[in-house]
Amino acid sequence: MFPSQPTRISYFLRLGSVRQGSLQTNRGGLFGLHDSADPTLFTVGIGMLDGAFTYSTNARGFPLQPLLPVVHAFQWYQFDILLNWSTRQLEIRVNGVTSVSHVPFVAETVDLVGLYTYDAMQTWWDELYVGVDHTMAFRCPVVNNGKVTVAQPRQRPLWSPSVVGPPTQYTPPVRHDSHLSRRPVYSFNNGGLVPNDGPGHRVYLNDIREPVYDAQSDQVELISGELVAISISPDVSMVFPLETNAEGVSSAELALPQQSQYWYSEIQVLNNDSVVVGGGIGACSTTDLITWRNEGIVLHYANLTDPFGMNQAL
């Protein structure tokens, strides 16, 4: 699959002063993915047109589809292009927020990257990456009909019955007769003792509360109990959060919220035999439950419990 079919392309872009007019009257900062068999065709193109970011797939010329309505000068933007070569669909994120998804594209390979300036303006490119998507296709929740839902099935693995074992079990109650039980003090009403009273001796404890789950309710709608409130503002160490105000005022000029909501979810990687060979924990953050920022994978793990060497992917 790699490198002719990369699953992730990432880069940073900053636009500055223009020679004539403003960003609203210029175009540039164009990033393109091409197949060397037809280098004039943009398999994917992202650029700045008249003060807004635009994109296109399988088109010639400057991209025209809207991606982000307002572009601010001298402010870094992070772009992530995620390509699914099985479905021939792509997703574009700006500053970690999904702007468009499930966009079809037509290509067999991508082996050329183009950086174009067009009109005279200051342009910075940084940290260009073309390769494998190590985020394991982790996606953030989306808003659907007023509800925050998860677009893809969440991994909620249940322990194998061979590992969990049976439900909690007790030994059968047995009354032991001895010289103590035959004493006169116990001959009247058993001395206050009730035979076989109370729980039996526990021989096996199973404290798994939910051995099964409802896929319809457990994997679709997000509930408040899954969110973690942290008293910190959104991270601005690399890029500023995308503005959500109607006026398009940059987040760099506004007071950021003092609290963020974080959501964590597990991702599993299966081999051809549907055996879990690895995975991770992904994180998303939000301040309004509408715009979700993908924070990436906060933990990777691998299944090392394979003493017979059957999981060769490890």
C-alpha atoms as a PDB file:
ATOM      1  CA  MET A   1       0.000   0.000   0.000  1.00  0.00           C
ATOM      2  CA  PHE A   2       2.829   2.432   0.760  1.00  0.00           C
ATOM      3  CA  PRO A   3       4.293   4.623  -0.664  1.00  0.00           C
ATOM      4  CA  SER A   4       2.213   4.738  -3.858  1.00  0.00           C
ATOM      5  CA  GLN A   5      -1.011   4.629  -1.818  1.00  0.00           C
ATOM      6  CA  PRO A   6      -0.383   6.747   1.300  1.00  0.00           C
ATOM      7  CA  THR A   7      -3.190   6.812   3.828  1.00  0.00           C
ATOM      8  CA  ARG A   8      -2.253  10.099   5.477  1.00  0.00           C
ATOM      9  CA  ILE A   9      -0.859  13.388   4.183  1.00  0.00           C
ATOM     10  CA  SER A  10      -0.256  16.200   6.672  1.00  0.00           C
ATOM     11  CA  TYR A  11       1.296  19.648   6.424  1.00  0.00           C
ATOM     12  CA  PHE A  12       1.279  23.101   8.015  1.00  0.00           C
ATOM     13  CA  LEU A  13       0.632  26.304   6.068  1.00  0.00           C
ATOM     14  CA  ARG A  14       0.872  29.995   6.913  1.00  0.00           C
ATOM     15  CA  LEU A  15       0.035  32.884   4.596  1.00  0.00           C
ATOM     16  CA  GLY A  16       1.259  36.444   5.134  1.00  0.00           C
ATOM     17  CA  SER A  17       1.432  39.719   3.241  1.00  0.00           C
ATOM     18  CA  VAL A  18       0.393  40.025  -0.392  1.00  0.00           C
ATOM     19  CA  ARG A  19       1.867  42.343  -3.011  1.00  0.00           C
ATOM     20  CA  GLN A  20      -1.480  43.761  -4.095  1.00  0.00           C
ATOM     21  CA  GLY A  21      -4.807  43.883  -2.300  1.00  0.00           C
ATOM     22  CA  SER A  22      -5.438  41.432   0.533  1.00  0.00           C
ATOM     23  CA  LEU A  23      -6.024  37.739   1.048  1.00  0.00           C
ATOM     24  CA  GLN A  24      -9.646  38.374   0.066  1.00  0.00           C
ATOM     25  CA  THR A  25      -8.532  39.365  -3.451  1.00  0.00           C
ATOM     26  CA  ASN A  26      -5.790  36.800  -4.042  1.00  0.00           C
ATOM     27  CA  ARG A  27      -5.263  33.088  -4.389  1.00  0.00           C
ATOM     28  CA  GLY A  28      -2.374  30.826  -3.487  1.00  0.00           C
ATOM     29  CA  GLY A  29      -1.056  28.358  -0.944  1.00  0.00           C
ATOM     30  CA  LEU A  30      -2.145  25.498  -3.191  1.00  0.00           C
ATOM     31  CA  PHE A  31      -1.258  21.961  -2.142  1.00  0.00           C
ATOM     32  CA  GLY A  32      -1.817  19.159  -4.611  1.00  0.00           C
ATOM     33  CA  LEU A  33      -1.602  15.383  -4.826  1.00  0.00           C
ATOM     34  CA  HIS A  34      -1.004  13.905  -8.283  1.00  0.00           C
ATOM     35  CA  ASP A  35      -0.518  10.659 -10.125  1.00  0.00           C
ATOM     36  CA  SER A  36       2.598  10.862 -12.300  1.00  0.00           C
ATOM     37  CA  ALA A  37       0.608   9.269 -15.123  1.00  0.00           C
ATOM     38  CA  ASP A  38      -1.413  12.523 -15.327  1.00  0.00           C
ATOM     39  CA  PRO A  39       0.480  15.231 -13.392  1.00  0.00           C
ATOM     40  CA  THR A  40      -1.854  18.068 -14.409  1.00  0.00           C
ATOM     41  CA  LEU A  41      -4.814  16.414 -12.678  1.00  0.00           C
ATOM     42  CA  PHE A  42      -5.276  17.153  -8.978  1.00  0.00           C
ATOM     43  CA  THR A  43      -6.269  13.939  -7.232  1.00  0.00           C
ATOM     44  CA  VAL A  44      -6.698  16.197  -4.199  1.00  0.00           C
ATOM     45  CA  GLY A  45      -6.136  19.940  -4.128  1.00  0.00           C
ATOM     46  CA  ILE A  46      -6.364  22.411  -1.221  1.00  0.00           C
ATOM     47  CA  GLY A  47      -5.758  26.132  -1.630  1.00  0.00           C
ATOM     48  CA  MET A  48      -6.663  29.656  -0.517  1.00  0.00           C
ATOM     49  CA  LEU A  49      -9.075  31.485  -2.812  1.00  0.00           C
ATOM     50  CA  ASP A  50     -10.379  34.991  -2.018  1.00  0.00           C
ATOM     51  CA  GLY A  51      -9.744  34.705   1.715  1.00  0.00           C
ATOM     52  CA  ALA A  52     -11.129  31.172   2.153  1.00  0.00           C
ATOM     53  CA  PHE A  53      -9.729  27.668   1.952  1.00  0.00           C
ATOM     54  CA  THR A  54     -11.102  25.535  -0.868  1.00  0.00           C
ATOM     55  CA  TYR A  55     -10.571  21.978  -2.069  1.00  0.00           C
ATOM     56  CA  SER A  56     -11.263  19.708  -5.027  1.00  0.00           C
ATOM     57  CA  THR A  57     -10.835  16.090  -6.085  1.00  0.00           C
ATOM     58  CA  ASN A  58     -10.005  14.840  -9.571  1.00  0.00           C
ATOM     59  CA  ALA A  59     -10.108  18.307 -11.081  1.00  0.00           C
ATOM     60  CA  ARG A  60      -7.878  20.573 -13.119  1.00  0.00           C
ATOM     61  CA  GLY A  61      -7.289  24.170 -12.160  1.00  0.00           C
ATOM     62  CA  PHE A  62      -7.703  25.883  -8.809  1.00  0.00           C
ATOM     63  CA  PRO A  63      -9.984  24.183  -6.220  1.00  0.00           C
ATOM     64  CA  LEU A  64     -13.439  25.720  -5.870  1.00  0.00           C
ATOM     65  CA  GLN A  65     -15.262  23.623  -3.257  1.00  0.00           C
ATOM     66  CA  PRO A  66     -15.572  25.437   0.129  1.00  0.00           C
ATOM     67  CA  LEU A  67     -13.457  24.053   2.976  1.00  0.00           C
ATOM     68  CA  LEU A  68     -12.994  26.883   5.520  1.00  0.00           C
ATOM     69  CA  PRO A  69     -14.764  30.246   5.115  1.00  0.00           C
ATOM     70  CA  VAL A  70     -12.139  32.572   6.633  1.00  0.00           C
ATOM     71  CA  VAL A  71      -8.334  32.532   6.437  1.00  0.00           C
ATOM     72  CA  HIS A  72      -6.289  34.752   8.768  1.00  0.00           C
ATOM     73  CA  ALA A  73      -2.890  36.086   7.760  1.00  0.00           C
ATOM     74  CA  PHE A  74       0.210  35.100   9.757  1.00  0.00           C
ATOM     75  CA  GLN A  75      -1.621  32.235  11.432  1.00  0.00           C
ATOM     76  CA  TRP A  76      -0.556  28.602  11.087  1.00  0.00           C
ATOM     77  CA  TYR A  77      -3.052  26.038   9.813  1.00  0.00           C
ATOM     78  CA  GLN A  78      -2.684  22.271  10.020  1.00  0.00           C
ATOM     79  CA  PHE A  79      -4.115  20.126   7.231  1.00  0.00           C
ATOM     80  CA  ASP A  80      -4.637  16.364   7.358  1.00  0.00           C
ATOM     81  CA  ILE A  81      -5.781  14.400   4.317  1.00  0.00           C
ATOM     82  CA  LEU A  82      -6.868  10.836   5.142  1.00  0.00           C
ATOM     83  CA  LEU A  83      -7.236   8.516   2.158  1.00  0.00           C
ATOM     84  CA  ASN A  84      -9.183   5.260   2.287  1.00  0.00           C
ATOM     85  CA  TRP A  85      -8.005   3.265  -0.710  1.00  0.00           C
ATOM     86  CA  SER A  86     -10.547   0.502  -0.126  1.00  0.00           C
ATOM     87  CA  THR A  87     -13.584   2.760  -0.449  1.00  0.00           C
ATOM     88  CA  ARG A  88     -11.837   5.490  -2.505  1.00  0.00           C
ATOM     89  CA  GLN A  89     -13.052   8.143  -0.075  1.00  0.00           C
ATOM     90  CA  LEU A  90     -11.133  10.835   1.774  1.00  0.00           C
ATOM     91  CA  GLU A  91     -11.439  13.103   4.784  1.00  0.00           C
ATOM     92  CA  ILE A  92      -9.867  16.543   5.267  1.00  0.00           C
ATOM     93  CA  ARG A  93      -9.199  18.026   8.690  1.00  0.00           C
ATOM     94  CA  VAL A  94      -8.194  21.598   9.412  1.00  0.00           C
ATOM     95  CA  ASN A  95      -6.531  22.154  12.787  1.00  0.00           C
ATOM     96  CA  GLY A  96      -7.709  18.720  13.852  1.00  0.00           C
ATOM     97  CA  VAL A  97     -11.375  19.372  13.016  1.00  0.00           C
ATOM     98  CA  THR A  98     -13.039  17.388  10.249  1.00  0.00           C
ATOM     99  CA  SER A  99     -14.176  19.827   7.567  1.00  0.00           C
ATOM    100  CA  VAL A 100     -15.283  17.345   4.885  1.00  0.00           C
ATOM    101  CA  SER A 101     -15.560  13.564   4.928  1.00  0.00           C
ATOM    102  CA  HIS A 102     -16.649  10.667   2.719  1.00  0.00           C
ATOM    103  CA  VAL A 103     -15.485  12.608  -0.344  1.00  0.00           C
ATOM    104  CA  PRO A 104     -15.000  10.261  -3.321  1.00  0.00           C
ATOM    105  CA  PHE A 105     -11.808  10.338  -5.351  1.00  0.00           C
ATOM    106  CA  VAL A 106     -10.529   8.372  -8.329  1.00  0.00           C
ATOM    107  CA  ALA A 107      -6.903   7.263  -8.385  1.00  0.00           C
ATOM    108  CA  GLU A 108      -4.765   4.155  -8.356  1.00  0.00           C
ATOM    109  CA  THR A 109      -1.643   5.801  -6.970  1.00  0.00           C
ATOM    110  CA  VAL A 110      -0.423   9.115  -5.585  1.00  0.00           C
ATOM    111  CA  ASP A 111       3.285   9.637  -6.197  1.00  0.00           C
ATOM    112  CA  LEU A 112       3.635  13.393  -6.732  1.00  0.00           C
ATOM    113  CA  VAL A 113       3.158  16.293  -4.315  1.00  0.00           C
ATOM    114  CA  GLY A 114       2.890  19.850  -5.601  1.00  0.00           C
ATOM    115  CA  LEU A 115       3.264  23.162  -3.716  1.00  0.00           C
ATOM    116  CA  TYR A 116       2.031  26.184  -5.679  1.00  0.00           C
ATOM    117  CA  THR A 117       1.989  29.904  -4.809  1.00  0.00           C
ATOM    118  CA  TYR A 118       0.040  31.554  -7.688  1.00  0.00           C
ATOM    119  CA  ASP A 119      -0.411  35.244  -6.707  1.00  0.00           C
ATOM    120  CA  ALA A 120       2.502  37.002  -4.998  1.00  0.00           C
ATOM    121  CA  MET A 121       2.169  36.475  -1.245  1.00  0.00           C
ATOM    122  CA  GLN A 122       4.253  35.305   1.672  1.00  0.00           C
ATOM    123  CA  THR A 123       3.828  31.549   2.036  1.00  0.00           C
ATOM    124  CA  TRP A 124       5.296  29.160   4.600  1.00  0.00           C
ATOM    125  CA  TRP A 125       5.100  25.354   4.418  1.00  0.00           C
ATOM    126  CA  ASP A 126       6.245  23.119   7.255  1.00  0.00           C
ATOM    127  CA  GLU A 127       6.265  19.496   8.471  1.00  0.00           C
ATOM    128  CA  LEU A 128       5.067  17.828   5.297  1.00  0.00           C
ATOM    129  CA  TYR A 129       4.285  14.147   5.902  1.00  0.00           C
ATOM    130  CA  VAL A 130       3.227  11.537   3.356  1.00  0.00           C
ATOM    131  CA  GLY A 131       2.863   7.993   4.611  1.00  0.00           C
ATOM    132  CA  VAL A 132       0.868   5.643   6.801  1.00  0.00           C
ATOM    133  CA  ASP A 133      -1.975   6.808   9.033  1.00  0.00           C
ATOM    134  CA  HIS A 134      -0.915   5.609  12.477  1.00  0.00           C
ATOM    135  CA  THR A 135      -4.131   6.914  14.075  1.00  0.00           C
ATOM    136  CA  MET A 136      -5.881   3.652  13.104  1.00  0.00           C
ATOM    137  CA  ALA A 137      -8.818   5.492  11.484  1.00  0.00           C
ATOM    138  CA  PHE A 138      -9.874   7.023  14.806  1.00  0.00           C
ATOM    139  CA  ARG A 139     -12.706   9.528  14.340  1.00  0.00           C
ATOM    140  CA  CYS A 140     -14.361  12.081  16.611  1.00  0.00           C
ATOM    141  CA  PRO A 141     -18.098  12.300  17.398  1.00  0.00           C
ATOM    142  CA  VAL A 142     -20.392  14.306  15.142  1.00  0.00           C
ATOM    143  CA  VAL A 143     -23.649  16.182  15.675  1.00  0.00           C
ATOM    144  CA  ASN A 144     -26.630  14.432  14.081  1.00  0.00           C
ATOM    145  CA  ASN A 145     -30.166  15.819  14.494  1.00  0.00           C
ATOM    146  CA  GLY A 146     -29.194  17.681  17.643  1.00  0.00           C
ATOM    147  CA  LYS A 147     -27.494  14.665  19.222  1.00  0.00           C
ATOM    148  CA  VAL A 148     -23.795  13.967  19.578  1.00  0.00           C
ATOM    149  CA  THR A 149     -23.209  10.599  17.948  1.00  0.00           C
ATOM    150  CA  VAL A 150     -20.280   8.440  16.972  1.00  0.00           C
ATOM    151  CA  ALA A 151     -20.101   7.974  13.225  1.00  0.00           C
ATOM    152  CA  GLN A 152     -18.202   4.693  13.397  1.00  0.00           C
ATOM    153  CA  PRO A 153     -18.741   1.696  15.684  1.00  0.00           C
ATOM    154  CA  ARG A 154     -16.948   2.132  18.964  1.00  0.00           C
ATOM    155  CA  GLN A 155     -14.757  -0.648  20.178  1.00  0.00           C
ATOM    156  CA  ARG A 156     -16.264  -2.077  23.320  1.00  0.00           C
ATOM    157  CA  PRO A 157     -14.599  -5.452  23.533  1.00  0.00           C
ATOM    158  CA  LEU A 158     -15.974  -8.081  25.864  1.00  0.00           C
ATOM    159  CA  TRP A 159     -13.807 -10.674  27.533  1.00  0.00           C
ATOM    160  CA  SER A 160     -13.803 -14.095  25.965  1.00  0.00           C
ATOM    161  CA  PRO A 161     -15.943 -16.602  27.950  1.00  0.00           C
ATOM    162  CA  SER A 162     -12.868 -18.809  28.185  1.00  0.00           C
ATOM    163  CA  VAL A 163     -11.133 -16.006  30.083  1.00  0.00           C
ATOM    164  CA  VAL A 164     -14.006 -14.714  32.182  1.00  0.00           C
ATOM    165  CA  GLY A 165     -15.335 -18.105  33.133  1.00  0.00           C
ATOM    166  CA  PRO A 166     -18.791 -18.851  34.561  1.00  0.00           C
ATOM    167  CA  PRO A 167     -20.857 -16.530  36.792  1.00  0.00           C
ATOM    168  CA  THR A 168     -19.971 -16.233  40.461  1.00  0.00           C
ATOM    169  CA  GLN A 169     -20.302 -19.634  42.101  1.00  0.00           C
ATOM    170  CA  TYR A 170     -20.699 -20.865  45.702  1.00  0.00           C
ATOM    171  CA  THR A 171     -20.193 -24.247  47.274  1.00  0.00           C
ATOM    172  CA  PRO A 172     -23.378 -26.170  48.145  1.00  0.00           C
ATOM    173  CA  PRO A 173     -24.446 -25.453  51.749  1.00  0.00           C
ATOM    174  CA  VAL A 174     -23.580 -28.329  54.066  1.00  0.00           C
ATOM    175  CA  ARG A 175     -24.446 -28.592  57.765  1.00  0.00           C
ATOM    176  CA  HIS A 176     -21.701 -30.329  59.675  1.00  0.00           C
ATOM    177  CA  ASP A 177     -22.916 -32.365  62.624  1.00  0.00           C
ATOM    178  CA  SER A 178     -20.517 -32.676  65.551  1.00  0.00           C
ATOM    179  CA  HIS A 179     -20.386 -32.974  69.316  1.00  0.00           C
ATOM    180  CA  LEU A 180     -20.960 -29.211  69.495  1.00  0.00           C
ATOM    181  CA  SER A 181     -24.236 -29.344  67.601  1.00  0.00           C
ATOM    182  CA  ARG A 182     -25.380 -32.174  69.863  1.00  0.00           C
ATOM    183  CA  ARG A 183     -24.904 -30.188  73.068  1.00  0.00           C
ATOM    184  CA  PRO A 184     -28.052 -29.264  75.039  1.00  0.00           C
ATOM    185  CA  VAL A 185     -27.603 -25.532  74.412  1.00  0.00           C
ATOM    186  CA  TYR A 186     -28.271 -26.163  70.742  1.00  0.00           C
ATOM    187  CA  SER A 187     -31.118 -28.570  71.246  1.00  0.00           C
ATOM    188  CA  PHE A 188     -33.575 -25.756  71.887  1.00  0.00           C
ATOM    189  CA  ASN A 189     -34.295 -23.802  68.708  1.00  0.00           C
ATOM    190  CA  ASN A 190     -30.766 -24.675  67.621  1.00  0.00           C
ATOM    191  CA  GLY A 191     -29.435 -22.075  70.011  1.00  0.00           C
ATOM    192  CA  GLY A 192     -30.583 -19.298  67.698  1.00  0.00           C
ATOM    193  CA  LEU A 193     -28.800 -20.830  64.731  1.00  0.00           C
ATOM    194  CA  VAL A 194     -30.625 -21.421  61.471  1.00  0.00           C
ATOM    195  CA  PRO A 195     -29.275 -24.283  59.367  1.00  0.00           C
ATOM    196  CA  ASN A 196     -27.845 -23.294  56.007  1.00  0.00           C
ATOM    197  CA  ASP A 197     -28.424 -19.591  56.706  1.00  0.00           C
ATOM    198  CA  GLY A 198     -26.360 -16.939  54.923  1.00  0.00           C
ATOM    199  CA  PRO A 199     -24.294 -17.099  51.757  1.00  0.00           C
ATOM    200  CA  GLY A 200     -22.238 -20.123  50.980  1.00  0.00           C
ATOM    201  CA  HIS A 201     -18.519 -20.200  50.583  1.00  0.00           C
ATOM    202  CA  ARG A 202     -17.574 -18.427  47.357  1.00  0.00           C
ATOM    203  CA  VAL A 203     -15.360 -20.534  45.148  1.00  0.00           C
ATOM    204  CA  TYR A 204     -15.325 -18.268  42.065  1.00  0.00           C
ATOM    205  CA  LEU A 205     -15.894 -14.511  41.670  1.00  0.00           C
ATOM    206  CA  ASN A 206     -16.992 -12.967  38.378  1.00  0.00           C
ATOM    207  CA  ASP A 207     -17.338  -9.182  38.749  1.00  0.00           C
ATOM    208  CA  ILE A 208     -17.910  -8.405  35.057  1.00  0.00           C
ATOM    209  CA  ARG A 209     -21.044  -6.281  35.203  1.00  0.00           C
ATOM    210  CA  GLU A 210     -21.939  -6.222  31.505  1.00  0.00           C
ATOM    211  CA  PRO A 211     -21.216  -9.487  29.705  1.00  0.00           C
ATOM    212  CA  VAL A 212     -23.327  -8.308  26.750  1.00  0.00           C
ATOM    213  CA  TYR A 213     -24.276  -4.921  25.332  1.00  0.00           C
ATOM    214  CA  ASP A 214     -26.815  -3.362  23.017  1.00  0.00           C
ATOM    215  CA  ALA A 215     -25.012  -2.289  19.852  1.00  0.00           C
ATOM    216  CA  GLN A 216     -27.870  -0.010  18.809  1.00  0.00           C
ATOM    217  CA  SER A 217     -27.754   2.162  21.923  1.00  0.00           C
ATOM    218  CA  ASP A 218     -24.230   1.642  23.211  1.00  0.00           C
ATOM    219  CA  GLN A 219     -22.367   2.458  19.997  1.00  0.00           C
ATOM    220  CA  VAL A 220     -24.272   5.369  18.500  1.00  0.00           C
ATOM    221  CA  GLU A 221     -25.291   8.133  20.876  1.00  0.00           C
ATOM    222  CA  LEU A 222     -22.730   9.761  23.146  1.00  0.00           C
ATOM    223  CA  ILE A 223     -23.754  10.240  26.775  1.00  0.00           C
ATOM    224  CA  SER A 224     -22.473  12.839  29.217  1.00  0.00           C
ATOM    225  CA  GLY A 225     -20.870  10.231  31.439  1.00  0.00           C
ATOM    226  CA  GLU A 226     -18.332   9.499  28.706  1.00  0.00           C
ATOM    227  CA  LEU A 227     -16.917  13.045  28.799  1.00  0.00           C
ATOM    228  CA  VAL A 228     -14.140  14.255  31.063  1.00  0.00           C
ATOM    229  CA  ALA A 229     -14.181  17.944  32.005  1.00  0.00           C
ATOM    230  CA  ILE A 230     -10.703  19.443  32.382  1.00  0.00           C
ATOM    231  CA  SER A 231     -10.134  23.001  33.550  1.00  0.00           C
ATOM    232  CA  ILE A 232      -7.757  23.980  30.766  1.00  0.00           C
ATOM    233  CA  SER A 233      -8.198  26.010  27.602  1.00  0.00           C
ATOM    234  CA  PRO A 234      -7.805  24.422  24.159  1.00  0.00           C
ATOM    235  CA  ASP A 235      -4.192  23.787  23.200  1.00  0.00           C
ATOM    236  CA  VAL A 236      -2.646  26.606  21.140  1.00  0.00           C
ATOM    237  CA  SER A 237       0.957  25.397  21.140  1.00  0.00           C
ATOM    238  CA  MET A 238       0.817  24.441  17.440  1.00  0.00           C
ATOM    239  CA  VAL A 239      -2.339  25.930  15.914  1.00  0.00           C
ATOM    240  CA  PHE A 240      -5.251  27.951  17.229  1.00  0.00           C
ATOM    241  CA  PRO A 241      -8.699  26.364  17.491  1.00  0.00           C
ATOM    242  CA  LEU A 242     -10.982  27.031  14.565  1.00  0.00           C
ATOM    243  CA  GLU A 243     -13.260  29.966  15.250  1.00  0.00           C
ATOM    244  CA  THR A 244     -16.969  29.231  15.537  1.00  0.00           C
ATOM    245  CA  ASN A 245     -18.293  32.801  15.630  1.00  0.00           C
ATOM    246  CA  ALA A 246     -20.362  34.074  12.720  1.00  0.00           C
ATOM    247  CA  GLU A 247     -18.121  37.125  12.302  1.00  0.00           C
ATOM    248  CA  GLY A 248     -15.072  34.989  11.580  1.00  0.00           C
ATOM    249  CA  VAL A 249     -12.937  36.611  14.276  1.00  0.00           C
ATOM    250  CA  SER A 250      -9.761  34.609  14.846  1.00  0.00           C
ATOM    251  CA  SER A 251      -9.452  32.562  18.029  1.00  0.00           C
ATOM    252  CA  ALA A 252      -6.094  34.272  18.511  1.00  0.00           C
ATOM    253  CA  GLU A 253      -7.948  37.519  19.234  1.00  0.00           C
ATOM    254  CA  LEU A 254     -10.576  36.086  21.578  1.00  0.00           C
ATOM    255  CA  ALA A 255     -10.541  34.853  25.156  1.00  0.00           C
ATOM    256  CA  LEU A 256     -10.560  31.076  25.000  1.00  0.00           C
ATOM    257  CA  PRO A 257     -12.885  28.988  27.204  1.00  0.00           C
ATOM    258  CA  GLN A 258     -11.339  27.988  30.512  1.00  0.00           C
ATOM    259  CA  GLN A 259     -12.685  24.427  30.372  1.00  0.00           C
ATOM    260  CA  SER A 260     -12.545  21.670  27.772  1.00  0.00           C
ATOM    261  CA  GLN A 261     -14.464  18.426  27.448  1.00  0.00           C
ATOM    262  CA  TYR A 262     -12.440  15.365  26.471  1.00  0.00           C
ATOM    263  CA  TRP A 263     -13.746  12.097  25.056  1.00  0.00           C
ATOM    264  CA  TYR A 264     -11.688   8.904  24.928  1.00  0.00           C
ATOM    265  CA  SER A 265     -12.397   5.755  22.951  1.00  0.00           C
ATOM    266  CA  GLU A 266     -10.622   2.479  22.276  1.00  0.00           C
ATOM    267  CA  ILE A 267      -9.511   1.332  18.840  1.00  0.00           C
ATOM    268  CA  GLN A 268      -8.673  -2.270  18.018  1.00  0.00           C
ATOM    269  CA  VAL A 269      -6.489  -3.648  15.226  1.00  0.00           C
ATOM    270  CA  LEU A 270      -7.491  -7.133  14.065  1.00  0.00           C
ATOM    271  CA  ASN A 271      -5.598  -9.590  11.913  1.00  0.00           C
ATOM    272  CA  ASN A 272      -7.136 -11.744   9.189  1.00  0.00           C
ATOM    273  CA  ASP A 273      -8.350 -14.201  11.827  1.00  0.00           C
ATOM    274  CA  SER A 274     -10.192 -11.434  13.750  1.00  0.00           C
ATOM    275  CA  VAL A 275      -7.672 -11.646  16.571  1.00  0.00           C
ATOM    276  CA  VAL A 276      -6.815  -8.405  18.345  1.00  0.00           C
ATOM    277  CA  VAL A 277      -3.115  -7.783  17.700  1.00  0.00           C
ATOM    278  CA  GLY A 278      -2.976  -4.156  18.813  1.00  0.00           C
ATOM    279  CA  GLY A 279      -4.847  -0.926  19.227  1.00  0.00           C
ATOM    280  CA  GLY A 280      -4.899   2.306  21.122  1.00  0.00           C
ATOM    281  CA  ILE A 281      -6.848   4.974  22.961  1.00  0.00           C
ATOM    282  CA  GLY A 282      -7.933   7.989  20.928  1.00  0.00           C
ATOM    283  CA  ALA A 283      -8.916  11.398  22.296  1.00  0.00           C
ATOM    284  CA  CYS A 284     -11.107  14.260  21.085  1.00  0.00           C
ATOM    285  CA  SER A 285     -11.739  17.631  22.716  1.00  0.00           C
ATOM    286  CA  THR A 286     -14.520  20.195  22.477  1.00  0.00           C
ATOM    287  CA  THR A 287     -15.736  23.336  24.188  1.00  0.00           C
ATOM    288  CA  ASP A 288     -19.249  23.478  22.741  1.00  0.00           C
ATOM    289  CA  LEU A 289     -20.099  19.802  21.963  1.00  0.00           C
ATOM    290  CA  ILE A 290     -20.412  20.808  18.303  1.00  0.00           C
ATOM    291  CA  THR A 291     -16.870  21.319  17.045  1.00  0.00           C
ATOM    292  CA  TRP A 292     -14.687  18.329  17.919  1.00  0.00           C
ATOM    293  CA  ARG A 293     -10.914  18.455  17.640  1.00  0.00           C
ATOM    294  CA  ASN A 294      -9.074  15.199  17.032  1.00  0.00           C
ATOM    295  CA  GLU A 295      -6.224  15.058  19.554  1.00  0.00           C
ATOM    296  CA  GLY A 296      -4.836  11.836  18.099  1.00  0.00           C
ATOM    297  CA  ILE A 297      -3.814   8.613  19.806  1.00  0.00           C
ATOM    298  CA  VAL A 298      -2.796   9.058  23.431  1.00  0.00           C
ATOM    299  CA  LEU A 299      -1.854   5.402  23.959  1.00  0.00           C
ATOM    300  CA  HIS A 300      -0.737   2.598  21.657  1.00  0.00           C
ATOM    301  CA  TYR A 301      -0.766  -1.021  22.769  1.00  0.00           C
ATOM    302  CA  ALA A 302       0.084  -4.414  21.302  1.00  0.00           C
ATOM    303  CA  ASN A 303      -1.168  -7.886  22.158  1.00  0.00           C
ATOM    304  CA  LEU A 304       1.899  -9.765  23.379  1.00  0.00           C
ATOM    305  CA  THR A 305       0.021 -12.777  24.778  1.00  0.00           C
ATOM    306  CA  ASP A 306       1.008 -15.029  21.914  1.00  0.00           C
ATOM    307  CA  PRO A 307       3.544 -17.600  23.125  1.00  0.00           C
ATOM    308  CA  PHE A 308       3.181 -19.714  19.980  1.00  0.00           C
ATOM    309  CA  GLY A 309       4.098 -16.996  17.476  1.00  0.00           C
ATOM    310  CA  MET A 310       0.819 -17.131  15.586  1.00  0.00           C
ATOM    311  CA  ASN A 311       0.323 -13.356  15.453  1.00  0.00           C
ATOM    312  CA  GLN A 312       3.150 -12.496  13.106  1.00  0.00           C
ATOM    313  CA  ALA A 313       2.002  -8.862  12.906  1.00  0.00           C
ATOM    314  CA  LEU A 314       3.489  -8.161  16.347  1.00  0.00           C
END
